[in-house]
Amino acid sequence: MKSVELKKAFRLINHGPTVLLSARHGGIDNVMAVAWCCGLDIDPPKLTVVVDKVAQTRSLIEASGIFVVQVPTVAQLELTREVGTRTLHEEPDKLQKSDVSIFEVPGQDLPFVEGCSAWLACRLVSEPHTQDAYDLFIAEVIAAWADDRVFRDGHWHFETAGPEWRSLHHVAGGHFYAIGEALSTAAETT
């Protein structure tokens, strides 16, 4: 897990992966899968994420004002499905049943999910109307990290990492795609 400079943090979600959203408040941790997460700005880095009103994670985010966006891997396909279909409201042991392992990052009071390829610590930009009307949350990325086996020097390297490191892309129901092969144009820039 290596730090990613904030001006490159948008690249961690720019390719449109399904993400894991985690939050903590009042001694309660939760993790959920989210298909709609998008980069919004580069400097300072911001993103948007859609979180339904019924999601327990949403209430944790609204109460704490902070959360983590993580990029799960192919190796975490079942975990991603589990946290996307179970609810903490009905299953207080959801994380244990879903085999989620949480770790701590010094200086961050947030639950980070082990095994992901990237982690973005976020601070909520409060926009009550947008949140209530559209379930759309805006956040500033305040710190970012990635596993350097698959993201280094500000770029993804899926083509040189094992296939278990590919990101997941949700289509519908329990159907996902893994990111495909790398293609470059002659005008590729860094």
N, C-alpha and C. Protein backbone atom coordinates (compact mmCIF):
# COMPACT_ATOMS: atom_id res chain seq x y z
N MET A 1 0.86 -1.18 0.00
CA MET A 1 0.00 0.00 0.00
C MET A 1 0.90 1.22 0.00
N LYS A 2 0.90 1.93 -1.11
CA LYS A 2 1.74 3.12 -1.28
C LYS A 2 0.85 4.35 -1.45
N SER A 3 1.31 5.46 -0.90
CA SER A 3 0.59 6.71 -1.04
C SER A 3 0.53 7.13 -2.51
N VAL A 4 -0.60 7.72 -2.90
CA VAL A 4 -0.78 8.25 -4.26
C VAL A 4 -0.93 9.75 -4.13
N GLU A 5 -0.16 10.50 -4.92
CA GLU A 5 -0.28 11.95 -4.84
C GLU A 5 -1.68 12.37 -5.25
N LEU A 6 -2.22 13.33 -4.53
CA LEU A 6 -3.62 13.70 -4.70
C LEU A 6 -3.95 14.15 -6.12
N LYS A 7 -3.02 14.77 -6.82
CA LYS A 7 -3.34 15.22 -8.18
C LYS A 7 -3.48 14.05 -9.16
N LYS A 8 -3.12 12.84 -8.73
CA LYS A 8 -3.31 11.63 -9.56
C LYS A 8 -4.41 10.73 -8.98
N ALA A 9 -5.01 11.11 -7.88
CA ALA A 9 -5.99 10.26 -7.20
C ALA A 9 -7.20 9.94 -8.09
N PHE A 10 -7.61 10.86 -8.95
CA PHE A 10 -8.77 10.61 -9.82
C PHE A 10 -8.56 9.38 -10.70
N ARG A 11 -7.31 9.06 -11.00
CA ARG A 11 -7.02 7.92 -11.86
C ARG A 11 -7.40 6.59 -11.20
N LEU A 12 -7.53 6.59 -9.90
CA LEU A 12 -7.88 5.36 -9.20
C LEU A 12 -9.31 4.91 -9.51
N ILE A 13 -10.19 5.85 -9.89
CA ILE A 13 -11.58 5.50 -10.21
C ILE A 13 -11.98 5.91 -11.62
N ASN A 14 -11.07 6.52 -12.36
CA ASN A 14 -11.37 7.05 -13.69
C ASN A 14 -11.83 5.97 -14.67
N HIS A 15 -11.45 4.73 -14.46
CA HIS A 15 -11.80 3.65 -15.39
C HIS A 15 -13.16 3.01 -15.08
N GLY A 16 -13.90 3.59 -14.14
CA GLY A 16 -15.28 3.20 -13.90
C GLY A 16 -15.52 1.90 -13.15
N PRO A 17 -14.68 1.56 -12.17
CA PRO A 17 -14.91 0.30 -11.48
C PRO A 17 -16.06 0.36 -10.48
N THR A 18 -16.61 -0.81 -10.18
CA THR A 18 -17.47 -0.93 -9.02
C THR A 18 -16.57 -0.68 -7.82
N VAL A 19 -17.06 0.01 -6.81
CA VAL A 19 -16.24 0.31 -5.63
C VAL A 19 -16.90 -0.21 -4.37
N LEU A 20 -16.10 -0.31 -3.34
CA LEU A 20 -16.61 -0.60 -2.01
C LEU A 20 -16.57 0.69 -1.23
N LEU A 21 -17.67 1.01 -0.60
CA LEU A 21 -17.80 2.23 0.19
C LEU A 21 -17.86 1.82 1.64
N SER A 22 -16.97 2.36 2.47
CA SER A 22 -17.00 2.02 3.89
C SER A 22 -17.05 3.28 4.72
N ALA A 23 -17.68 3.16 5.88
CA ALA A 23 -17.82 4.30 6.79
C ALA A 23 -17.90 3.79 8.22
N ARG A 24 -17.67 4.72 9.15
CA ARG A 24 -17.70 4.40 10.58
C ARG A 24 -18.31 5.57 11.33
N HIS A 25 -19.14 5.24 12.31
CA HIS A 25 -19.65 6.26 13.23
C HIS A 25 -20.21 5.56 14.46
N GLY A 26 -19.92 6.11 15.61
CA GLY A 26 -20.46 5.59 16.86
C GLY A 26 -20.10 4.14 17.12
N GLY A 27 -18.90 3.74 16.70
CA GLY A 27 -18.46 2.36 16.92
C GLY A 27 -19.02 1.35 15.93
N ILE A 28 -19.72 1.82 14.92
CA ILE A 28 -20.30 0.94 13.91
C ILE A 28 -19.56 1.13 12.58
N ASP A 29 -19.11 0.01 11.98
CA ASP A 29 -18.49 0.01 10.65
C ASP A 29 -19.45 -0.64 9.68
N ASN A 30 -19.42 -0.18 8.43
CA ASN A 30 -20.17 -0.86 7.39
C ASN A 30 -19.44 -0.70 6.06
N VAL A 31 -19.70 -1.64 5.17
CA VAL A 31 -19.14 -1.65 3.83
C VAL A 31 -20.26 -2.03 2.87
N MET A 32 -20.34 -1.33 1.75
CA MET A 32 -21.32 -1.66 0.72
C MET A 32 -20.67 -1.53 -0.65
N ALA A 33 -21.23 -2.22 -1.63
CA ALA A 33 -20.77 -2.11 -3.01
C ALA A 33 -21.55 -1.00 -3.70
N VAL A 34 -20.86 -0.25 -4.54
CA VAL A 34 -21.47 0.86 -5.27
C VAL A 34 -21.00 0.82 -6.71
N ALA A 35 -21.94 0.82 -7.65
CA ALA A 35 -21.59 0.81 -9.06
C ALA A 35 -21.42 2.22 -9.63
N TRP A 36 -22.04 3.22 -8.99
CA TRP A 36 -22.01 4.57 -9.53
C TRP A 36 -21.10 5.46 -8.71
N CYS A 37 -19.84 5.48 -9.12
CA CYS A 37 -18.83 6.35 -8.51
C CYS A 37 -18.05 6.97 -9.66
N CYS A 38 -17.84 8.27 -9.58
CA CYS A 38 -17.24 8.98 -10.71
C CYS A 38 -16.34 10.11 -10.23
N GLY A 39 -15.22 10.29 -10.91
CA GLY A 39 -14.37 11.44 -10.64
C GLY A 39 -15.10 12.71 -11.01
N LEU A 40 -14.90 13.76 -10.24
CA LEU A 40 -15.58 15.03 -10.48
C LEU A 40 -14.61 16.17 -10.74
N ASP A 41 -13.47 16.18 -10.05
CA ASP A 41 -12.51 17.27 -10.18
C ASP A 41 -11.12 16.73 -9.86
N ILE A 42 -10.10 17.47 -10.28
CA ILE A 42 -8.72 17.03 -10.09
C ILE A 42 -8.02 17.79 -8.97
N ASP A 43 -8.23 19.10 -8.89
CA ASP A 43 -7.48 19.90 -7.92
C ASP A 43 -8.40 20.92 -7.24
N PRO A 44 -8.88 20.65 -6.02
CA PRO A 44 -8.61 19.44 -5.25
C PRO A 44 -9.41 18.27 -5.82
N PRO A 45 -8.91 17.05 -5.61
CA PRO A 45 -9.61 15.89 -6.17
C PRO A 45 -10.96 15.69 -5.49
N LYS A 46 -11.98 15.50 -6.33
CA LYS A 46 -13.34 15.25 -5.83
C LYS A 46 -13.94 14.10 -6.62
N LEU A 47 -14.91 13.45 -6.01
CA LEU A 47 -15.65 12.39 -6.67
C LEU A 47 -17.11 12.47 -6.29
N THR A 48 -17.93 11.76 -7.03
CA THR A 48 -19.34 11.62 -6.68
C THR A 48 -19.63 10.14 -6.50
N VAL A 49 -20.61 9.87 -5.66
CA VAL A 49 -21.04 8.50 -5.42
C VAL A 49 -22.53 8.53 -5.11
N VAL A 50 -23.26 7.56 -5.65
CA VAL A 50 -24.69 7.46 -5.40
C VAL A 50 -24.93 6.45 -4.29
N VAL A 51 -25.61 6.90 -3.22
CA VAL A 51 -25.89 6.04 -2.06
C VAL A 51 -27.37 6.18 -1.72
N ASP A 52 -28.10 5.11 -1.87
CA ASP A 52 -29.54 5.10 -1.64
C ASP A 52 -29.88 5.43 -0.18
N LYS A 53 -31.03 6.03 0.01
CA LYS A 53 -31.49 6.43 1.34
C LYS A 53 -31.63 5.26 2.30
N VAL A 54 -31.89 4.06 1.80
CA VAL A 54 -32.08 2.90 2.68
C VAL A 54 -30.77 2.30 3.17
N ALA A 55 -29.64 2.72 2.60
CA ALA A 55 -28.34 2.14 2.95
C ALA A 55 -27.88 2.61 4.33
N GLN A 56 -27.54 1.67 5.17
CA GLN A 56 -27.01 1.98 6.50
C GLN A 56 -25.71 2.78 6.39
N THR A 57 -24.91 2.48 5.37
CA THR A 57 -23.66 3.21 5.17
C THR A 57 -23.91 4.70 4.98
N ARG A 58 -25.01 5.03 4.32
CA ARG A 58 -25.36 6.43 4.11
C ARG A 58 -25.52 7.17 5.43
N SER A 59 -26.22 6.57 6.39
CA SER A 59 -26.40 7.25 7.67
C SER A 59 -25.06 7.41 8.40
N LEU A 60 -24.14 6.47 8.23
CA LEU A 60 -22.81 6.59 8.84
C LEU A 60 -22.03 7.74 8.20
N ILE A 61 -22.14 7.86 6.89
CA ILE A 61 -21.47 8.95 6.16
C ILE A 61 -22.04 10.30 6.58
N GLU A 62 -23.35 10.39 6.63
CA GLU A 62 -23.99 11.66 7.00
C GLU A 62 -23.63 12.06 8.43
N ALA A 63 -23.49 11.09 9.32
CA ALA A 63 -23.16 11.39 10.72
C ALA A 63 -21.69 11.74 10.91
N SER A 64 -20.80 11.05 10.19
CA SER A 64 -19.36 11.26 10.40
C SER A 64 -18.75 12.29 9.45
N GLY A 65 -19.32 12.40 8.25
CA GLY A 65 -18.78 13.32 7.24
C GLY A 65 -17.56 12.79 6.52
N ILE A 66 -17.19 11.53 6.76
CA ILE A 66 -16.02 10.94 6.10
C ILE A 66 -16.34 9.50 5.69
N PHE A 67 -15.61 9.01 4.68
CA PHE A 67 -15.78 7.63 4.23
C PHE A 67 -14.60 7.23 3.35
N VAL A 68 -14.56 5.94 2.99
CA VAL A 68 -13.51 5.43 2.12
C VAL A 68 -14.14 4.83 0.87
N VAL A 69 -13.56 5.14 -0.28
CA VAL A 69 -13.89 4.48 -1.54
C VAL A 69 -12.73 3.55 -1.84
N GLN A 70 -13.04 2.26 -2.06
CA GLN A 70 -12.02 1.27 -2.36
C GLN A 70 -12.30 0.61 -3.69
N VAL A 71 -11.26 0.20 -4.40
CA VAL A 71 -11.40 -0.50 -5.66
C VAL A 71 -11.15 -1.99 -5.40
N PRO A 72 -12.23 -2.80 -5.41
CA PRO A 72 -12.05 -4.23 -5.18
C PRO A 72 -11.49 -4.92 -6.43
N THR A 73 -10.99 -6.11 -6.23
CA THR A 73 -10.35 -6.87 -7.31
C THR A 73 -11.20 -8.09 -7.69
N VAL A 74 -10.82 -8.73 -8.78
CA VAL A 74 -11.48 -9.96 -9.20
C VAL A 74 -11.45 -10.98 -8.06
N ALA A 75 -10.36 -11.01 -7.31
CA ALA A 75 -10.26 -11.94 -6.17
C ALA A 75 -11.33 -11.65 -5.11
N GLN A 76 -11.92 -10.47 -5.15
CA GLN A 76 -12.94 -10.07 -4.18
C GLN A 76 -14.35 -10.07 -4.77
N LEU A 77 -14.55 -10.79 -5.84
CA LEU A 77 -15.86 -10.82 -6.49
C LEU A 77 -16.97 -11.24 -5.52
N GLU A 78 -16.80 -12.33 -4.80
CA GLU A 78 -17.84 -12.79 -3.88
C GLU A 78 -18.04 -11.82 -2.72
N LEU A 79 -16.96 -11.28 -2.19
CA LEU A 79 -17.06 -10.29 -1.12
C LEU A 79 -17.87 -9.09 -1.61
N THR A 80 -17.59 -8.63 -2.82
CA THR A 80 -18.29 -7.48 -3.40
C THR A 80 -19.78 -7.79 -3.55
N ARG A 81 -20.11 -8.98 -4.03
CA ARG A 81 -21.52 -9.37 -4.15
C ARG A 81 -22.18 -9.44 -2.78
N GLU A 82 -21.48 -10.02 -1.82
CA GLU A 82 -22.04 -10.16 -0.47
C GLU A 82 -22.36 -8.81 0.16
N VAL A 83 -21.40 -7.87 0.15
CA VAL A 83 -21.66 -6.57 0.79
C VAL A 83 -22.64 -5.72 -0.02
N GLY A 84 -22.84 -6.10 -1.28
CA GLY A 84 -23.81 -5.40 -2.11
C GLY A 84 -25.23 -5.93 -1.97
N THR A 85 -25.38 -7.13 -1.40
CA THR A 85 -26.71 -7.71 -1.29
C THR A 85 -27.18 -7.85 0.17
N ARG A 86 -26.27 -7.84 1.11
CA ARG A 86 -26.63 -7.92 2.53
C ARG A 86 -26.82 -6.52 3.08
N THR A 87 -27.62 -6.40 4.13
CA THR A 87 -27.82 -5.10 4.76
C THR A 87 -27.51 -5.19 6.25
N LEU A 88 -26.77 -4.23 6.74
CA LEU A 88 -26.42 -4.16 8.16
C LEU A 88 -27.68 -4.02 9.02
N HIS A 89 -28.68 -3.35 8.48
CA HIS A 89 -29.93 -3.16 9.22
C HIS A 89 -30.57 -4.49 9.60
N GLU A 90 -30.52 -5.45 8.70
CA GLU A 90 -31.12 -6.77 8.95
C GLU A 90 -30.12 -7.79 9.50
N GLU A 91 -28.82 -7.58 9.22
CA GLU A 91 -27.79 -8.52 9.65
C GLU A 91 -26.66 -7.76 10.34
N PRO A 92 -26.72 -7.62 11.65
CA PRO A 92 -25.68 -6.89 12.37
C PRO A 92 -24.28 -7.49 12.19
N ASP A 93 -24.21 -8.77 11.81
CA ASP A 93 -22.92 -9.42 11.57
C ASP A 93 -22.61 -9.52 10.07
N LYS A 94 -23.14 -8.59 9.29
CA LYS A 94 -22.96 -8.56 7.84
C LYS A 94 -21.50 -8.67 7.43
N LEU A 95 -20.61 -7.90 8.06
CA LEU A 95 -19.21 -7.90 7.64
C LEU A 95 -18.55 -9.25 7.89
N GLN A 96 -18.86 -9.88 9.02
CA GLN A 96 -18.30 -11.20 9.31
C GLN A 96 -18.85 -12.23 8.32
N LYS A 97 -20.15 -12.21 8.07
CA LYS A 97 -20.76 -13.15 7.12
C LYS A 97 -20.22 -12.95 5.70
N SER A 98 -19.80 -11.74 5.38
CA SER A 98 -19.29 -11.42 4.05
C SER A 98 -17.78 -11.58 3.94
N ASP A 99 -17.14 -12.04 5.02
CA ASP A 99 -15.68 -12.23 5.05
C ASP A 99 -14.90 -10.94 4.77
N VAL A 100 -15.38 -9.84 5.32
CA VAL A 100 -14.70 -8.56 5.17
C VAL A 100 -13.67 -8.42 6.29
N SER A 101 -12.44 -8.14 5.91
CA SER A 101 -11.39 -7.85 6.88
C SER A 101 -11.09 -6.36 6.82
N ILE A 102 -11.19 -5.72 7.96
CA ILE A 102 -10.97 -4.27 8.07
C ILE A 102 -9.57 -4.03 8.64
N PHE A 103 -8.90 -2.99 8.15
CA PHE A 103 -7.64 -2.57 8.76
C PHE A 103 -7.66 -1.07 8.98
N GLU A 104 -6.75 -0.61 9.80
CA GLU A 104 -6.66 0.80 10.16
C GLU A 104 -5.45 1.44 9.46
N VAL A 105 -5.58 2.70 9.12
CA VAL A 105 -4.48 3.49 8.58
C VAL A 105 -4.21 4.59 9.61
N PRO A 106 -2.96 4.71 10.06
CA PRO A 106 -2.64 5.73 11.06
C PRO A 106 -3.12 7.12 10.61
N GLY A 107 -3.74 7.83 11.54
CA GLY A 107 -4.23 9.18 11.26
C GLY A 107 -5.60 9.23 10.61
N GLN A 108 -6.20 8.08 10.33
CA GLN A 108 -7.52 8.02 9.70
C GLN A 108 -8.45 7.23 10.61
N ASP A 109 -9.57 7.79 10.99
CA ASP A 109 -10.55 7.07 11.79
C ASP A 109 -11.60 6.49 10.86
N LEU A 110 -11.16 5.56 10.01
CA LEU A 110 -11.99 4.99 8.97
C LEU A 110 -11.72 3.49 8.85
N PRO A 111 -12.72 2.72 8.41
CA PRO A 111 -12.51 1.29 8.17
C PRO A 111 -12.06 1.05 6.72
N PHE A 112 -10.87 0.52 6.54
CA PHE A 112 -10.33 0.21 5.22
C PHE A 112 -10.47 -1.29 4.99
N VAL A 113 -10.88 -1.68 3.78
CA VAL A 113 -11.09 -3.09 3.45
C VAL A 113 -9.79 -3.68 2.91
N GLU A 114 -9.35 -4.77 3.54
CA GLU A 114 -8.14 -5.46 3.10
C GLU A 114 -8.34 -6.09 1.73
N GLY A 115 -7.25 -6.14 0.95
CA GLY A 115 -7.25 -6.86 -0.31
C GLY A 115 -7.61 -6.04 -1.53
N CYS A 116 -8.02 -4.79 -1.34
CA CYS A 116 -8.38 -3.96 -2.49
C CYS A 116 -7.12 -3.49 -3.21
N SER A 117 -7.29 -2.90 -4.38
CA SER A 117 -6.14 -2.39 -5.12
C SER A 117 -5.94 -0.89 -4.89
N ALA A 118 -6.96 -0.19 -4.38
CA ALA A 118 -6.83 1.24 -4.13
C ALA A 118 -7.81 1.67 -3.05
N TRP A 119 -7.42 2.74 -2.34
CA TRP A 119 -8.24 3.28 -1.24
C TRP A 119 -8.19 4.80 -1.33
N LEU A 120 -9.35 5.45 -1.25
CA LEU A 120 -9.44 6.91 -1.25
C LEU A 120 -10.21 7.35 -0.01
N ALA A 121 -9.54 8.04 0.90
CA ALA A 121 -10.20 8.60 2.07
C ALA A 121 -10.87 9.89 1.63
N CYS A 122 -12.15 10.04 1.96
CA CYS A 122 -12.94 11.15 1.45
C CYS A 122 -13.64 11.92 2.57
N ARG A 123 -13.77 13.22 2.35
CA ARG A 123 -14.53 14.09 3.26
C ARG A 123 -15.76 14.57 2.49
N LEU A 124 -16.92 14.39 3.07
CA LEU A 124 -18.18 14.78 2.45
C LEU A 124 -18.24 16.28 2.22
N VAL A 125 -18.64 16.68 1.02
CA VAL A 125 -18.96 18.06 0.72
C VAL A 125 -20.48 18.13 0.84
N SER A 126 -20.95 18.73 1.91
CA SER A 126 -22.38 18.70 2.20
C SER A 126 -23.18 19.48 1.16
N GLU A 127 -24.06 18.76 0.50
CA GLU A 127 -25.00 19.34 -0.48
C GLU A 127 -26.35 18.69 -0.20
N PRO A 128 -27.06 19.13 0.86
CA PRO A 128 -28.29 18.47 1.29
C PRO A 128 -29.33 18.27 0.18
N HIS A 129 -29.54 19.27 -0.67
CA HIS A 129 -30.55 19.13 -1.72
C HIS A 129 -30.17 18.00 -2.69
N THR A 130 -28.93 17.99 -3.13
CA THR A 130 -28.46 16.97 -4.08
C THR A 130 -28.52 15.58 -3.45
N GLN A 131 -28.13 15.49 -2.18
CA GLN A 131 -28.17 14.22 -1.47
C GLN A 131 -29.61 13.72 -1.34
N ASP A 132 -30.52 14.60 -0.94
CA ASP A 132 -31.91 14.20 -0.72
C ASP A 132 -32.64 13.93 -2.04
N ALA A 133 -32.44 14.78 -3.01
CA ALA A 133 -33.19 14.66 -4.26
C ALA A 133 -32.66 13.55 -5.17
N TYR A 134 -31.34 13.37 -5.20
CA TYR A 134 -30.74 12.45 -6.17
C TYR A 134 -29.91 11.33 -5.57
N ASP A 135 -29.79 11.29 -4.24
CA ASP A 135 -28.94 10.30 -3.56
C ASP A 135 -27.47 10.45 -3.99
N LEU A 136 -27.11 11.61 -4.47
CA LEU A 136 -25.77 11.87 -4.99
C LEU A 136 -24.93 12.60 -3.94
N PHE A 137 -23.81 12.00 -3.60
CA PHE A 137 -22.90 12.57 -2.62
C PHE A 137 -21.65 13.06 -3.32
N ILE A 138 -21.18 14.23 -2.94
CA ILE A 138 -19.94 14.80 -3.45
C ILE A 138 -18.93 14.75 -2.32
N ALA A 139 -17.70 14.37 -2.65
CA ALA A 139 -16.67 14.27 -1.62
C ALA A 139 -15.33 14.75 -2.16
N GLU A 140 -14.54 15.31 -1.26
CA GLU A 140 -13.16 15.65 -1.58
C GLU A 140 -12.28 14.50 -1.11
N VAL A 141 -11.38 14.07 -1.99
CA VAL A 141 -10.42 13.03 -1.63
C VAL A 141 -9.32 13.70 -0.80
N ILE A 142 -9.13 13.24 0.43
CA ILE A 142 -8.16 13.87 1.32
C ILE A 142 -6.87 13.05 1.44
N ALA A 143 -6.89 11.80 1.04
CA ALA A 143 -5.70 10.95 1.00
C ALA A 143 -6.01 9.76 0.10
N ALA A 144 -4.98 9.22 -0.54
CA ALA A 144 -5.18 8.08 -1.43
C ALA A 144 -3.97 7.16 -1.39
N TRP A 145 -4.26 5.87 -1.58
CA TRP A 145 -3.23 4.84 -1.58
C TRP A 145 -3.59 3.81 -2.64
N ALA A 146 -2.58 3.07 -3.10
CA ALA A 146 -2.82 1.97 -4.03
C ALA A 146 -1.78 0.89 -3.80
N ASP A 147 -2.14 -0.33 -4.18
CA ASP A 147 -1.21 -1.44 -4.11
C ASP A 147 -0.28 -1.31 -5.31
N ASP A 148 1.02 -1.20 -5.04
CA ASP A 148 1.95 -0.92 -6.14
C ASP A 148 2.19 -2.13 -7.05
N ARG A 149 1.59 -3.26 -6.77
CA ARG A 149 1.65 -4.38 -7.71
C ARG A 149 0.77 -4.11 -8.93
N VAL A 150 -0.17 -3.18 -8.79
CA VAL A 150 -1.09 -2.92 -9.89
C VAL A 150 -1.24 -1.43 -10.22
N PHE A 151 -0.87 -0.53 -9.32
CA PHE A 151 -0.92 0.92 -9.58
C PHE A 151 0.36 1.55 -9.06
N ARG A 152 1.14 2.14 -9.95
CA ARG A 152 2.38 2.81 -9.55
C ARG A 152 2.72 3.89 -10.58
N ASP A 153 3.50 4.85 -10.12
CA ASP A 153 3.91 5.97 -10.98
C ASP A 153 2.70 6.67 -11.58
N GLY A 154 1.59 6.70 -10.83
CA GLY A 154 0.40 7.42 -11.27
C GLY A 154 -0.43 6.71 -12.32
N HIS A 155 -0.17 5.41 -12.56
CA HIS A 155 -0.90 4.67 -13.60
C HIS A 155 -1.25 3.26 -13.15
N TRP A 156 -2.37 2.75 -13.68
CA TRP A 156 -2.72 1.35 -13.50
C TRP A 156 -1.82 0.50 -14.37
N HIS A 157 -1.49 -0.69 -13.90
CA HIS A 157 -0.68 -1.65 -14.65
C HIS A 157 -1.36 -3.02 -14.61
N PHE A 158 -2.63 -3.05 -15.00
CA PHE A 158 -3.38 -4.31 -14.99
C PHE A 158 -2.73 -5.35 -15.91
N GLU A 159 -2.13 -4.88 -17.00
CA GLU A 159 -1.57 -5.80 -17.99
C GLU A 159 -0.34 -6.55 -17.49
N THR A 160 0.32 -6.05 -16.43
CA THR A 160 1.50 -6.75 -15.91
C THR A 160 1.22 -7.41 -14.56
N ALA A 161 0.05 -7.19 -14.01
CA ALA A 161 -0.33 -7.83 -12.75
C ALA A 161 -1.13 -9.09 -13.07
N GLY A 162 -1.25 -9.96 -12.10
CA GLY A 162 -2.05 -11.17 -12.30
C GLY A 162 -3.51 -10.84 -12.54
N PRO A 163 -4.25 -11.73 -13.18
CA PRO A 163 -5.66 -11.46 -13.50
C PRO A 163 -6.53 -11.25 -12.26
N GLU A 164 -6.11 -11.75 -11.10
CA GLU A 164 -6.87 -11.55 -9.87
C GLU A 164 -6.87 -10.09 -9.42
N TRP A 165 -5.98 -9.26 -9.98
CA TRP A 165 -5.88 -7.84 -9.62
C TRP A 165 -6.77 -6.95 -10.47
N ARG A 166 -7.41 -7.49 -11.49
CA ARG A 166 -8.25 -6.66 -12.35
C ARG A 166 -9.43 -6.10 -11.55
N SER A 167 -9.89 -4.93 -11.95
CA SER A 167 -11.03 -4.32 -11.27
C SER A 167 -12.34 -4.90 -11.81
N LEU A 168 -13.38 -4.77 -10.98
CA LEU A 168 -14.71 -5.28 -11.30
C LEU A 168 -15.60 -4.16 -11.83
N HIS A 169 -16.46 -4.52 -12.78
CA HIS A 169 -17.38 -3.54 -13.38
C HIS A 169 -18.76 -4.19 -13.42
N HIS A 170 -19.67 -3.68 -12.58
CA HIS A 170 -21.00 -4.26 -12.43
C HIS A 170 -21.88 -3.91 -13.61
N VAL A 171 -22.60 -4.91 -14.12
CA VAL A 171 -23.52 -4.69 -15.23
C VAL A 171 -24.96 -4.72 -14.73
N ALA A 172 -25.36 -5.83 -14.12
CA ALA A 172 -26.71 -5.98 -13.58
C ALA A 172 -26.78 -7.25 -12.77
N GLY A 173 -27.69 -7.27 -11.79
CA GLY A 173 -27.83 -8.46 -10.96
C GLY A 173 -26.47 -8.86 -10.40
N GLY A 174 -26.09 -10.09 -10.55
CA GLY A 174 -24.79 -10.57 -10.09
C GLY A 174 -23.77 -10.66 -11.21
N HIS A 175 -23.99 -9.92 -12.29
CA HIS A 175 -23.12 -10.00 -13.47
C HIS A 175 -22.10 -8.85 -13.47
N PHE A 176 -20.82 -9.21 -13.55
CA PHE A 176 -19.72 -8.25 -13.57
C PHE A 176 -18.82 -8.55 -14.76
N TYR A 177 -18.05 -7.57 -15.16
CA TYR A 177 -16.93 -7.77 -16.08
C TYR A 177 -15.67 -7.39 -15.34
N ALA A 178 -14.55 -8.00 -15.73
CA ALA A 178 -13.24 -7.58 -15.24
C ALA A 178 -12.67 -6.66 -16.31
N ILE A 179 -11.87 -5.69 -15.89
CA ILE A 179 -11.29 -4.79 -16.87
C ILE A 179 -10.50 -5.62 -17.89
N GLY A 180 -10.50 -5.17 -19.13
CA GLY A 180 -9.88 -5.92 -20.22
C GLY A 180 -8.44 -5.56 -20.50
N GLU A 181 -8.03 -5.87 -21.71
CA GLU A 181 -6.64 -5.66 -22.09
C GLU A 181 -6.33 -4.18 -22.27
N ALA A 182 -5.05 -3.86 -22.13
CA ALA A 182 -4.59 -2.47 -22.29
C ALA A 182 -4.40 -2.17 -23.78
N LEU A 183 -4.88 -1.01 -24.19
CA LEU A 183 -4.69 -0.52 -25.55
C LEU A 183 -4.17 0.90 -25.46
N SER A 184 -3.25 1.27 -26.31
CA SER A 184 -2.70 2.63 -26.29
C SER A 184 -2.74 3.23 -27.69
N THR A 185 -2.93 4.54 -27.74
CA THR A 185 -2.85 5.25 -29.02
C THR A 185 -1.43 5.76 -29.17
N ALA A 186 -1.10 6.18 -30.37
CA ALA A 186 0.23 6.74 -30.62
C ALA A 186 0.46 8.01 -29.84
N ALA A 187 -0.61 8.69 -29.48
CA ALA A 187 -0.50 9.98 -28.78
C ALA A 187 -0.66 9.82 -27.27
N GLU A 188 -0.43 8.62 -26.73
CA GLU A 188 -0.61 8.42 -25.29
C GLU A 188 0.28 9.39 -24.51
N THR A 189 -0.33 10.00 -23.48
CA THR A 189 0.40 10.94 -22.64
C THR A 189 0.46 10.41 -21.22
N THR A 190 1.35 10.94 -20.44
CA THR A 190 1.46 10.51 -19.05
C THR A 190 0.60 11.34 -18.23
